[in-house]
Full PDB file with SEQRES, HELIX, SHEET, SSBOND, CRYST1, ORIGX, SCALE, CONECT and MASTER records, all heavy atoms in Angstrom:
SEQRES   1 A   39  TRP HIS TRP VAL ALA PHE ASN ILE PRO ALA ALA THR ARG          
SEQRES   2 A   39  ALA LEU ALA ALA GLY ALA GLY THR ILE SER ALA GLY VAL          
SEQRES   3 A   39  MET PRO GLU GLY VAL VAL GLN GLY ARG THR ASP PHE GLY          
HELIX    1 AA1 ILE A   22  ALA A   24  5                                   3    
SHEET    1 AA1 2 ALA A   5  PHE A   6  0                                        
SHEET    2 AA1 2 VAL A  32  GLN A  33 -1                                        
CRYST1    1.000    1.000    1.000  90.00  90.00  90.00 P 1           1          
ORIGX1      1.000000  0.000000  0.000000        0.00000                         
ORIGX2      0.000000  1.000000  0.000000        0.00000                         
ORIGX3      0.000000  0.000000  1.000000        0.00000                         
SCALE1      1.000000  0.000000  0.000000        0.00000                         
SCALE2      0.000000  1.000000  0.000000        0.00000                         
SCALE3      0.000000  0.000000  1.000000        0.00000                         
ATOM      1  N   TRP A   1     -55.194 -38.504   8.181  1.00  0.00           N  
ATOM      2  CA  TRP A   1     -53.976 -39.170   8.605  1.00  0.00           C  
ATOM      3  C   TRP A   1     -53.171 -39.721   7.414  1.00  0.00           C  
ATOM      4  O   TRP A   1     -53.755 -40.452   6.591  1.00  0.00           O  
ATOM      5  CB  TRP A   1     -54.359 -40.317   9.547  1.00  0.00           C  
ATOM      6  CG  TRP A   1     -54.925 -39.853  10.893  1.00  0.00           C  
ATOM      7  CD1 TRP A   1     -56.249 -39.725  11.210  1.00  0.00           C  
ATOM      8  CD2 TRP A   1     -54.191 -39.219  11.888  1.00  0.00           C  
ATOM      9  NE1 TRP A   1     -56.400 -39.122  12.455  1.00  0.00           N  
ATOM     10  CE2 TRP A   1     -55.062 -38.878  12.943  1.00  0.00           C  
ATOM     11  CE3 TRP A   1     -52.811 -39.028  12.162  1.00  0.00           C  
ATOM     12  CZ2 TRP A   1     -54.722 -38.241  14.146  1.00  0.00           C  
ATOM     13  CZ3 TRP A   1     -52.430 -38.384  13.368  1.00  0.00           C  
ATOM     14  CH2 TRP A   1     -53.439 -38.024  14.298  1.00  0.00           C  
ATOM     15  N   HIS A   2     -51.977 -39.289   7.302  1.00  0.00           N  
ATOM     16  CA  HIS A   2     -51.102 -39.642   6.139  1.00  0.00           C  
ATOM     17  C   HIS A   2     -50.061 -40.787   6.494  1.00  0.00           C  
ATOM     18  O   HIS A   2     -49.587 -41.416   5.512  1.00  0.00           O  
ATOM     19  CB  HIS A   2     -50.349 -38.477   5.646  1.00  0.00           C  
ATOM     20  CG  HIS A   2     -51.225 -37.524   4.915  1.00  0.00           C  
ATOM     21  ND1 HIS A   2     -51.277 -37.499   3.584  1.00  0.00           N  
ATOM     22  CD2 HIS A   2     -51.988 -36.461   5.353  1.00  0.00           C  
ATOM     23  CE1 HIS A   2     -52.205 -36.553   3.131  1.00  0.00           C  
ATOM     24  NE2 HIS A   2     -52.605 -35.940   4.242  1.00  0.00           N  
ATOM     25  N   TRP A   3     -49.706 -40.938   7.772  1.00  0.00           N  
ATOM     26  CA  TRP A   3     -48.795 -41.951   8.120  1.00  0.00           C  
ATOM     27  C   TRP A   3     -48.944 -42.213   9.614  1.00  0.00           C  
ATOM     28  O   TRP A   3     -48.910 -41.291  10.423  1.00  0.00           O  
ATOM     29  CB  TRP A   3     -47.428 -41.501   7.773  1.00  0.00           C  
ATOM     30  CG  TRP A   3     -46.334 -42.552   7.749  1.00  0.00           C  
ATOM     31  CD1 TRP A   3     -46.439 -43.959   7.680  1.00  0.00           C  
ATOM     32  CD2 TRP A   3     -44.883 -42.280   7.683  1.00  0.00           C  
ATOM     33  NE1 TRP A   3     -45.196 -44.542   7.635  1.00  0.00           N  
ATOM     34  CE2 TRP A   3     -44.249 -43.560   7.642  1.00  0.00           C  
ATOM     35  CE3 TRP A   3     -44.103 -41.181   7.647  1.00  0.00           C  
ATOM     36  CZ2 TRP A   3     -42.835 -43.682   7.554  1.00  0.00           C  
ATOM     37  CZ3 TRP A   3     -42.760 -41.269   7.575  1.00  0.00           C  
ATOM     38  CH2 TRP A   3     -42.138 -42.549   7.538  1.00  0.00           C  
ATOM     39  N   VAL A   4     -48.988 -43.496   9.920  1.00  0.00           N  
ATOM     40  CA  VAL A   4     -49.048 -43.907  11.317  1.00  0.00           C  
ATOM     41  C   VAL A   4     -48.018 -45.049  11.519  1.00  0.00           C  
ATOM     42  O   VAL A   4     -48.268 -46.141  10.967  1.00  0.00           O  
ATOM     43  CB  VAL A   4     -50.473 -44.380  11.712  1.00  0.00           C  
ATOM     44  CG1 VAL A   4     -50.543 -44.808  13.163  1.00  0.00           C  
ATOM     45  CG2 VAL A   4     -51.515 -43.172  11.470  1.00  0.00           C  
ATOM     46  N   ALA A   5     -47.038 -44.818  12.295  1.00  0.00           N  
ATOM     47  CA  ALA A   5     -46.007 -45.867  12.566  1.00  0.00           C  
ATOM     48  C   ALA A   5     -45.806 -45.867  14.094  1.00  0.00           C  
ATOM     49  O   ALA A   5     -45.575 -44.879  14.690  1.00  0.00           O  
ATOM     50  CB  ALA A   5     -44.751 -45.689  11.810  1.00  0.00           C  
ATOM     51  N   PHE A   6     -45.882 -47.101  14.637  1.00  0.00           N  
ATOM     52  CA  PHE A   6     -45.644 -47.288  16.120  1.00  0.00           C  
ATOM     53  C   PHE A   6     -44.900 -48.478  16.398  1.00  0.00           C  
ATOM     54  O   PHE A   6     -44.609 -49.298  15.542  1.00  0.00           O  
ATOM     55  CB  PHE A   6     -46.994 -47.091  16.847  1.00  0.00           C  
ATOM     56  CG  PHE A   6     -48.012 -48.143  16.491  1.00  0.00           C  
ATOM     57  CD1 PHE A   6     -48.122 -49.319  17.188  1.00  0.00           C  
ATOM     58  CD2 PHE A   6     -48.859 -47.868  15.377  1.00  0.00           C  
ATOM     59  CE1 PHE A   6     -49.182 -50.245  16.830  1.00  0.00           C  
ATOM     60  CE2 PHE A   6     -49.818 -48.833  15.016  1.00  0.00           C  
ATOM     61  CZ  PHE A   6     -50.036 -49.951  15.760  1.00  0.00           C  
ATOM     62  N   ASN A   7     -44.527 -48.601  17.694  1.00  0.00           N  
ATOM     63  CA  ASN A   7     -43.617 -49.695  18.257  1.00  0.00           C  
ATOM     64  C   ASN A   7     -42.281 -49.625  17.501  1.00  0.00           C  
ATOM     65  O   ASN A   7     -41.618 -50.643  17.238  1.00  0.00           O  
ATOM     66  CB  ASN A   7     -44.222 -51.067  18.032  1.00  0.00           C  
ATOM     67  CG  ASN A   7     -45.529 -51.251  18.750  1.00  0.00           C  
ATOM     68  OD1 ASN A   7     -45.826 -50.498  19.670  1.00  0.00           O  
ATOM     69  ND2 ASN A   7     -46.299 -52.295  18.503  1.00  0.00           N  
ATOM     70  N   ILE A   8     -41.817 -48.325  17.243  1.00  0.00           N  
ATOM     71  CA  ILE A   8     -40.435 -48.080  16.800  1.00  0.00           C  
ATOM     72  C   ILE A   8     -39.504 -48.376  17.944  1.00  0.00           C  
ATOM     73  O   ILE A   8     -39.666 -47.721  19.027  1.00  0.00           O  
ATOM     74  CB  ILE A   8     -40.337 -46.718  16.229  1.00  0.00           C  
ATOM     75  CG1 ILE A   8     -41.334 -46.494  15.074  1.00  0.00           C  
ATOM     76  CG2 ILE A   8     -38.886 -46.434  15.755  1.00  0.00           C  
ATOM     77  CD1 ILE A   8     -41.459 -44.984  14.692  1.00  0.00           C  
ATOM     78  N   PRO A   9     -38.601 -49.257  17.856  1.00  0.00           N  
ATOM     79  CA  PRO A   9     -37.677 -49.568  18.964  1.00  0.00           C  
ATOM     80  C   PRO A   9     -36.888 -48.357  19.615  1.00  0.00           C  
ATOM     81  O   PRO A   9     -36.591 -47.471  18.866  1.00  0.00           O  
ATOM     82  CB  PRO A   9     -36.734 -50.633  18.444  1.00  0.00           C  
ATOM     83  CG  PRO A   9     -37.349 -51.187  17.130  1.00  0.00           C  
ATOM     84  CD  PRO A   9     -38.179 -50.000  16.635  1.00  0.00           C  
ATOM     85  N   ALA A  10     -36.774 -48.446  20.861  1.00  0.00           N  
ATOM     86  CA  ALA A  10     -36.183 -47.295  21.568  1.00  0.00           C  
ATOM     87  C   ALA A  10     -34.775 -46.959  21.096  1.00  0.00           C  
ATOM     88  O   ALA A  10     -34.375 -45.751  21.199  1.00  0.00           O  
ATOM     89  CB  ALA A  10     -36.061 -47.570  23.076  1.00  0.00           C  
ATOM     90  N   ALA A  11     -34.025 -47.949  20.600  1.00  0.00           N  
ATOM     91  CA  ALA A  11     -32.716 -47.627  20.077  1.00  0.00           C  
ATOM     92  C   ALA A  11     -32.625 -46.990  18.700  1.00  0.00           C  
ATOM     93  O   ALA A  11     -31.572 -46.514  18.359  1.00  0.00           O  
ATOM     94  CB  ALA A  11     -31.917 -48.950  20.022  1.00  0.00           C  
ATOM     95  N   THR A  12     -33.735 -46.901  18.080  1.00  0.00           N  
ATOM     96  CA  THR A  12     -33.887 -46.280  16.802  1.00  0.00           C  
ATOM     97  C   THR A  12     -33.701 -44.777  16.860  1.00  0.00           C  
ATOM     98  O   THR A  12     -34.358 -44.114  17.716  1.00  0.00           O  
ATOM     99  CB  THR A  12     -35.122 -46.607  16.131  1.00  0.00           C  
ATOM    100  OG1 THR A  12     -35.296 -48.058  16.040  1.00  0.00           O  
ATOM    101  CG2 THR A  12     -35.270 -46.065  14.691  1.00  0.00           C  
ATOM    102  N   ARG A  13     -32.919 -44.131  15.996  1.00  0.00           N  
ATOM    103  CA  ARG A  13     -32.746 -42.759  15.960  1.00  0.00           C  
ATOM    104  C   ARG A  13     -33.037 -42.150  14.556  1.00  0.00           C  
ATOM    105  O   ARG A  13     -32.818 -40.947  14.404  1.00  0.00           O  
ATOM    106  CB  ARG A  13     -31.321 -42.277  16.413  1.00  0.00           C  
ATOM    107  CG  ARG A  13     -31.073 -42.590  17.901  1.00  0.00           C  
ATOM    108  CD  ARG A  13     -31.928 -41.831  18.830  1.00  0.00           C  
ATOM    109  NE  ARG A  13     -31.643 -42.096  20.258  1.00  0.00           N  
ATOM    110  CZ  ARG A  13     -32.296 -43.027  20.970  1.00  0.00           C  
ATOM    111  NH1 ARG A  13     -33.188 -43.837  20.391  1.00  0.00           N  
ATOM    112  NH2 ARG A  13     -31.977 -43.230  22.283  1.00  0.00           N  
ATOM    113  N   ALA A  14     -33.404 -42.905  13.671  1.00  0.00           N  
ATOM    114  CA  ALA A  14     -33.698 -42.451  12.299  1.00  0.00           C  
ATOM    115  C   ALA A  14     -34.529 -43.389  11.460  1.00  0.00           C  
ATOM    116  O   ALA A  14     -34.514 -44.573  11.706  1.00  0.00           O  
ATOM    117  CB  ALA A  14     -32.369 -42.127  11.555  1.00  0.00           C  
ATOM    118  N   LEU A  15     -35.192 -42.863  10.540  1.00  0.00           N  
ATOM    119  CA  LEU A  15     -35.950 -43.621   9.504  1.00  0.00           C  
ATOM    120  C   LEU A  15     -35.435 -43.135   8.237  1.00  0.00           C  
ATOM    121  O   LEU A  15     -35.381 -41.914   7.911  1.00  0.00           O  
ATOM    122  CB  LEU A  15     -37.510 -43.393   9.633  1.00  0.00           C  
ATOM    123  CG  LEU A  15     -38.092 -43.945  10.883  1.00  0.00           C  
ATOM    124  CD1 LEU A  15     -39.574 -43.547  10.923  1.00  0.00           C  
ATOM    125  CD2 LEU A  15     -37.908 -45.394  11.094  1.00  0.00           C  
ATOM    126  N   ALA A  16     -35.136 -44.096   7.290  1.00  0.00           N  
ATOM    127  CA  ALA A  16     -34.674 -43.732   5.980  1.00  0.00           C  
ATOM    128  C   ALA A  16     -35.780 -43.200   5.143  1.00  0.00           C  
ATOM    129  O   ALA A  16     -36.910 -43.575   5.318  1.00  0.00           O  
ATOM    130  CB  ALA A  16     -33.992 -44.944   5.338  1.00  0.00           C  
ATOM    131  N   ALA A  17     -35.433 -42.429   4.097  1.00  0.00           N  
ATOM    132  CA  ALA A  17     -36.384 -42.018   3.057  1.00  0.00           C  
ATOM    133  C   ALA A  17     -36.998 -43.326   2.471  1.00  0.00           C  
ATOM    134  O   ALA A  17     -36.272 -44.270   2.257  1.00  0.00           O  
ATOM    135  CB  ALA A  17     -35.762 -41.158   2.068  1.00  0.00           C  
ATOM    136  N   GLY A  18     -38.271 -43.343   2.353  1.00  0.00           N  
ATOM    137  CA  GLY A  18     -38.949 -44.468   1.758  1.00  0.00           C  
ATOM    138  C   GLY A  18     -39.378 -45.493   2.787  1.00  0.00           C  
ATOM    139  O   GLY A  18     -39.971 -46.521   2.419  1.00  0.00           O  
ATOM    140  N   ALA A  19     -39.023 -45.237   4.048  1.00  0.00           N  
ATOM    141  CA  ALA A  19     -39.340 -46.246   5.081  1.00  0.00           C  
ATOM    142  C   ALA A  19     -40.930 -46.456   5.187  1.00  0.00           C  
ATOM    143  O   ALA A  19     -41.339 -47.613   5.605  1.00  0.00           O  
ATOM    144  CB  ALA A  19     -38.830 -45.897   6.488  1.00  0.00           C  
ATOM    145  N   GLY A  20     -41.709 -45.519   4.718  1.00  0.00           N  
ATOM    146  CA  GLY A  20     -43.134 -45.646   4.722  1.00  0.00           C  
ATOM    147  C   GLY A  20     -43.638 -46.527   3.693  1.00  0.00           C  
ATOM    148  O   GLY A  20     -44.879 -46.716   3.588  1.00  0.00           O  
ATOM    149  N   THR A  21     -42.861 -47.016   2.729  1.00  0.00           N  
ATOM    150  CA  THR A  21     -43.316 -47.918   1.755  1.00  0.00           C  
ATOM    151  C   THR A  21     -43.112 -49.299   2.260  1.00  0.00           C  
ATOM    152  O   THR A  21     -42.032 -49.769   2.444  1.00  0.00           O  
ATOM    153  CB  THR A  21     -42.519 -47.761   0.535  1.00  0.00           C  
ATOM    154  OG1 THR A  21     -42.573 -46.393  -0.060  1.00  0.00           O  
ATOM    155  CG2 THR A  21     -42.950 -48.727  -0.626  1.00  0.00           C  
ATOM    156  N   ILE A  22     -44.257 -49.952   2.594  1.00  0.00           N  
ATOM    157  CA  ILE A  22     -44.247 -51.239   3.256  1.00  0.00           C  
ATOM    158  C   ILE A  22     -43.391 -52.237   2.471  1.00  0.00           C  
ATOM    159  O   ILE A  22     -42.545 -53.022   3.027  1.00  0.00           O  
ATOM    160  CB  ILE A  22     -45.640 -51.816   3.438  1.00  0.00           C  
ATOM    161  CG1 ILE A  22     -46.533 -50.831   4.193  1.00  0.00           C  
ATOM    162  CG2 ILE A  22     -45.726 -53.182   4.058  1.00  0.00           C  
ATOM    163  CD1 ILE A  22     -46.731 -51.033   5.635  1.00  0.00           C  
ATOM    164  N   SER A  23     -43.557 -52.291   1.155  1.00  0.00           N  
ATOM    165  CA  SER A  23     -42.829 -53.257   0.315  1.00  0.00           C  
ATOM    166  C   SER A  23     -41.320 -53.089   0.361  1.00  0.00           C  
ATOM    167  O   SER A  23     -40.551 -54.005  -0.003  1.00  0.00           O  
ATOM    168  CB  SER A  23     -43.343 -53.335  -1.067  1.00  0.00           C  
ATOM    169  OG  SER A  23     -43.254 -52.043  -1.659  1.00  0.00           O  
ATOM    170  N   ALA A  24     -40.861 -51.883   0.725  1.00  0.00           N  
ATOM    171  CA  ALA A  24     -39.477 -51.659   0.702  1.00  0.00           C  
ATOM    172  C   ALA A  24     -38.691 -52.408   1.864  1.00  0.00           C  
ATOM    173  O   ALA A  24     -37.545 -52.683   1.727  1.00  0.00           O  
ATOM    174  CB  ALA A  24     -39.185 -50.090   0.851  1.00  0.00           C  
ATOM    175  N   GLY A  25     -39.387 -52.676   2.915  1.00  0.00           N  
ATOM    176  CA  GLY A  25     -38.888 -53.481   3.960  1.00  0.00           C  
ATOM    177  C   GLY A  25     -37.703 -52.783   4.691  1.00  0.00           C  
ATOM    178  O   GLY A  25     -36.896 -53.490   5.257  1.00  0.00           O  
ATOM    179  N   VAL A  26     -37.751 -51.475   4.864  1.00  0.00           N  
ATOM    180  CA  VAL A  26     -36.644 -50.757   5.452  1.00  0.00           C  
ATOM    181  C   VAL A  26     -36.989 -50.299   6.926  1.00  0.00           C  
ATOM    182  O   VAL A  26     -36.088 -49.759   7.549  1.00  0.00           O  
ATOM    183  CB  VAL A  26     -36.107 -49.627   4.603  1.00  0.00           C  
ATOM    184  CG1 VAL A  26     -35.522 -50.085   3.328  1.00  0.00           C  
ATOM    185  CG2 VAL A  26     -37.219 -48.579   4.449  1.00  0.00           C  
ATOM    186  N   MET A  27     -38.194 -50.548   7.351  1.00  0.00           N  
ATOM    187  CA  MET A  27     -38.437 -50.111   8.736  1.00  0.00           C  
ATOM    188  C   MET A  27     -37.798 -51.143   9.680  1.00  0.00           C  
ATOM    189  O   MET A  27     -37.617 -52.260   9.360  1.00  0.00           O  
ATOM    190  CB  MET A  27     -40.005 -50.232   8.971  1.00  0.00           C  
ATOM    191  CG  MET A  27     -40.769 -49.068   8.703  1.00  0.00           C  
ATOM    192  SD  MET A  27     -40.493 -47.709   9.943  1.00  0.00           S  
ATOM    193  CE  MET A  27     -41.747 -46.623   9.401  1.00  0.00           C  
ATOM    194  N   PRO A  28     -37.392 -50.672  10.917  1.00  0.00           N  
ATOM    195  CA  PRO A  28     -36.773 -51.456  11.840  1.00  0.00           C  
ATOM    196  C   PRO A  28     -37.712 -52.645  12.212  1.00  0.00           C  
ATOM    197  O   PRO A  28     -39.055 -52.516  12.118  1.00  0.00           O  
ATOM    198  CB  PRO A  28     -36.617 -50.676  13.092  1.00  0.00           C  
ATOM    199  CG  PRO A  28     -36.491 -49.288  12.572  1.00  0.00           C  
ATOM    200  CD  PRO A  28     -37.433 -49.247  11.309  1.00  0.00           C  
ATOM    201  N   GLU A  29     -37.224 -53.773  12.551  1.00  0.00           N  
ATOM    202  CA  GLU A  29     -38.111 -54.956  12.929  1.00  0.00           C  
ATOM    203  C   GLU A  29     -39.001 -54.580  14.103  1.00  0.00           C  
ATOM    204  O   GLU A  29     -38.666 -53.976  15.046  1.00  0.00           O  
ATOM    205  CB  GLU A  29     -37.193 -56.138  13.344  1.00  0.00           C  
ATOM    206  CG  GLU A  29     -38.008 -57.398  13.461  1.00  0.00           C  
ATOM    207  CD  GLU A  29     -37.088 -58.575  13.808  1.00  0.00           C  
ATOM    208  OE1 GLU A  29     -35.880 -58.571  13.325  1.00  0.00           O  
ATOM    209  OE2 GLU A  29     -37.568 -59.545  14.439  1.00  0.00           O  
ATOM    210  N   GLY A  30     -40.235 -54.963  14.016  1.00  0.00           N  
ATOM    211  CA  GLY A  30     -41.308 -54.826  15.029  1.00  0.00           C  
ATOM    212  C   GLY A  30     -42.096 -53.569  14.796  1.00  0.00           C  
ATOM    213  O   GLY A  30     -43.113 -53.441  15.489  1.00  0.00           O  
ATOM    214  N   VAL A  31     -41.775 -52.674  13.920  1.00  0.00           N  
ATOM    215  CA  VAL A  31     -42.543 -51.494  13.660  1.00  0.00           C  
ATOM    216  C   VAL A  31     -43.790 -51.897  13.013  1.00  0.00           C  
ATOM    217  O   VAL A  31     -43.870 -52.690  12.051  1.00  0.00           O  
ATOM    218  CB  VAL A  31     -41.685 -50.435  12.816  1.00  0.00           C  
ATOM    219  CG1 VAL A  31     -42.651 -49.215  12.462  1.00  0.00           C  
ATOM    220  CG2 VAL A  31     -40.512 -49.933  13.549  1.00  0.00           C  
ATOM    221  N   VAL A  32     -44.942 -51.307  13.450  1.00  0.00           N  
ATOM    222  CA  VAL A  32     -46.201 -51.458  12.861  1.00  0.00           C  
ATOM    223  C   VAL A  32     -46.613 -50.215  12.097  1.00  0.00           C  
ATOM    224  O   VAL A  32     -46.518 -49.095  12.704  1.00  0.00           O  
ATOM    225  CB  VAL A  32     -47.364 -51.793  13.901  1.00  0.00           C  
ATOM    226  CG1 VAL A  32     -48.768 -51.848  13.302  1.00  0.00           C  
ATOM    227  CG2 VAL A  32     -47.006 -53.067  14.732  1.00  0.00           C  
ATOM    228  N   GLN A  33     -46.990 -50.257  10.850  1.00  0.00           N  
ATOM    229  CA  GLN A  33     -47.449 -49.185  10.072  1.00  0.00           C  
ATOM    230  C   GLN A  33     -48.941 -49.283  10.024  1.00  0.00           C  
ATOM    231  O   GLN A  33     -49.506 -50.261   9.377  1.00  0.00           O  
ATOM    232  CB  GLN A  33     -46.810 -49.004   8.744  1.00  0.00           C  
ATOM    233  CG  GLN A  33     -45.350 -48.737   8.903  1.00  0.00           C  
ATOM    234  CD  GLN A  33     -44.708 -48.288   7.563  1.00  0.00           C  
ATOM    235  OE1 GLN A  33     -45.074 -47.233   7.042  1.00  0.00           O  
ATOM    236  NE2 GLN A  33     -43.814 -49.061   7.032  1.00  0.00           N  
ATOM    237  N   GLY A  34     -49.714 -48.420  10.644  1.00  0.00           N  
ATOM    238  CA  GLY A  34     -51.149 -48.543  10.688  1.00  0.00           C  
ATOM    239  C   GLY A  34     -51.830 -47.913   9.464  1.00  0.00           C  
ATOM    240  O   GLY A  34     -51.300 -47.313   8.605  1.00  0.00           O  
ATOM    241  N   ARG A  35     -53.152 -48.208   9.536  1.00  0.00           N  
ATOM    242  CA  ARG A  35     -53.995 -47.820   8.490  1.00  0.00           C  
ATOM    243  C   ARG A  35     -54.127 -46.241   8.449  1.00  0.00           C  
ATOM    244  O   ARG A  35     -54.420 -45.641   9.433  1.00  0.00           O  
ATOM    245  CB  ARG A  35     -55.323 -48.416   8.669  1.00  0.00           C  
ATOM    246  CG  ARG A  35     -56.340 -48.287   7.610  1.00  0.00           C  
ATOM    247  CD  ARG A  35     -57.554 -49.278   7.774  1.00  0.00           C  
ATOM    248  NE  ARG A  35     -57.953 -49.400   9.088  1.00  0.00           N  
ATOM    249  CZ  ARG A  35     -59.034 -48.684   9.709  1.00  0.00           C  
ATOM    250  NH1 ARG A  35     -59.638 -47.763   8.968  1.00  0.00           N  
ATOM    251  NH2 ARG A  35     -59.334 -48.882  10.943  1.00  0.00           N  
ATOM    252  N   THR A  36     -53.914 -45.665   7.267  1.00  0.00           N  
ATOM    253  CA  THR A  36     -54.159 -44.157   7.110  1.00  0.00           C  
ATOM    254  C   THR A  36     -55.493 -43.918   6.559  1.00  0.00           C  
ATOM    255  O   THR A  36     -56.300 -44.859   6.319  1.00  0.00           O  
ATOM    256  CB  THR A  36     -53.066 -43.654   6.159  1.00  0.00           C  
ATOM    257  OG1 THR A  36     -53.378 -44.114   4.820  1.00  0.00           O  
ATOM    258  CG2 THR A  36     -51.668 -44.043   6.513  1.00  0.00           C  
ATOM    259  N   ASP A  37     -55.786 -42.618   6.294  1.00  0.00           N  
ATOM    260  CA  ASP A  37     -57.118 -42.280   5.779  1.00  0.00           C  
ATOM    261  C   ASP A  37     -57.114 -42.583   4.285  1.00  0.00           C  
ATOM    262  O   ASP A  37     -58.222 -42.416   3.662  1.00  0.00           O  
ATOM    263  CB  ASP A  37     -57.452 -40.848   6.038  1.00  0.00           C  
ATOM    264  CG  ASP A  37     -57.845 -40.619   7.451  1.00  0.00           C  
ATOM    265  OD1 ASP A  37     -58.374 -41.568   8.105  1.00  0.00           O  
ATOM    266  OD2 ASP A  37     -57.669 -39.541   8.038  1.00  0.00           O  
ATOM    267  N   PHE A  38     -56.067 -43.021   3.612  1.00  0.00           N  
ATOM    268  CA  PHE A  38     -56.158 -43.512   2.296  1.00  0.00           C  
ATOM    269  C   PHE A  38     -56.675 -44.971   2.298  1.00  0.00           C  
ATOM    270  O   PHE A  38     -56.859 -45.536   1.175  1.00  0.00           O  
ATOM    271  CB  PHE A  38     -54.763 -43.513   1.650  1.00  0.00           C  
ATOM    272  CG  PHE A  38     -54.274 -42.138   1.328  1.00  0.00           C  
ATOM    273  CD1 PHE A  38     -53.176 -41.579   2.060  1.00  0.00           C  
ATOM    274  CD2 PHE A  38     -54.734 -41.377   0.296  1.00  0.00           C  
ATOM    275  CE1 PHE A  38     -52.726 -40.354   1.814  1.00  0.00           C  
ATOM    276  CE2 PHE A  38     -54.234 -40.145  -0.041  1.00  0.00           C  
ATOM    277  CZ  PHE A  38     -53.252 -39.633   0.716  1.00  0.00           C  
ATOM    278  N   GLY A  39     -56.809 -45.562   3.486  1.00  0.00           N  
ATOM    279  CA  GLY A  39     -57.382 -46.852   3.579  1.00  0.00           C  
ATOM    280  C   GLY A  39     -56.343 -48.046   3.571  1.00  0.00           C  
ATOM    281  O   GLY A  39     -56.681 -49.165   3.617  1.00  0.00           O  
TER     282      GLY A  39                                                      
MASTER        0    0    0    1    2    0    0    6  281    1    0    3          
END                                                                             
């Protein structure tokens, strides 16, 4: 598992490049990025 993101709001239609970097803070509010197999 390389990326797990859930609770992405229904009105969302895109994720920006780099949204998977937690510290970037670009995910829509409320999205949970779960633990991957990288730990």
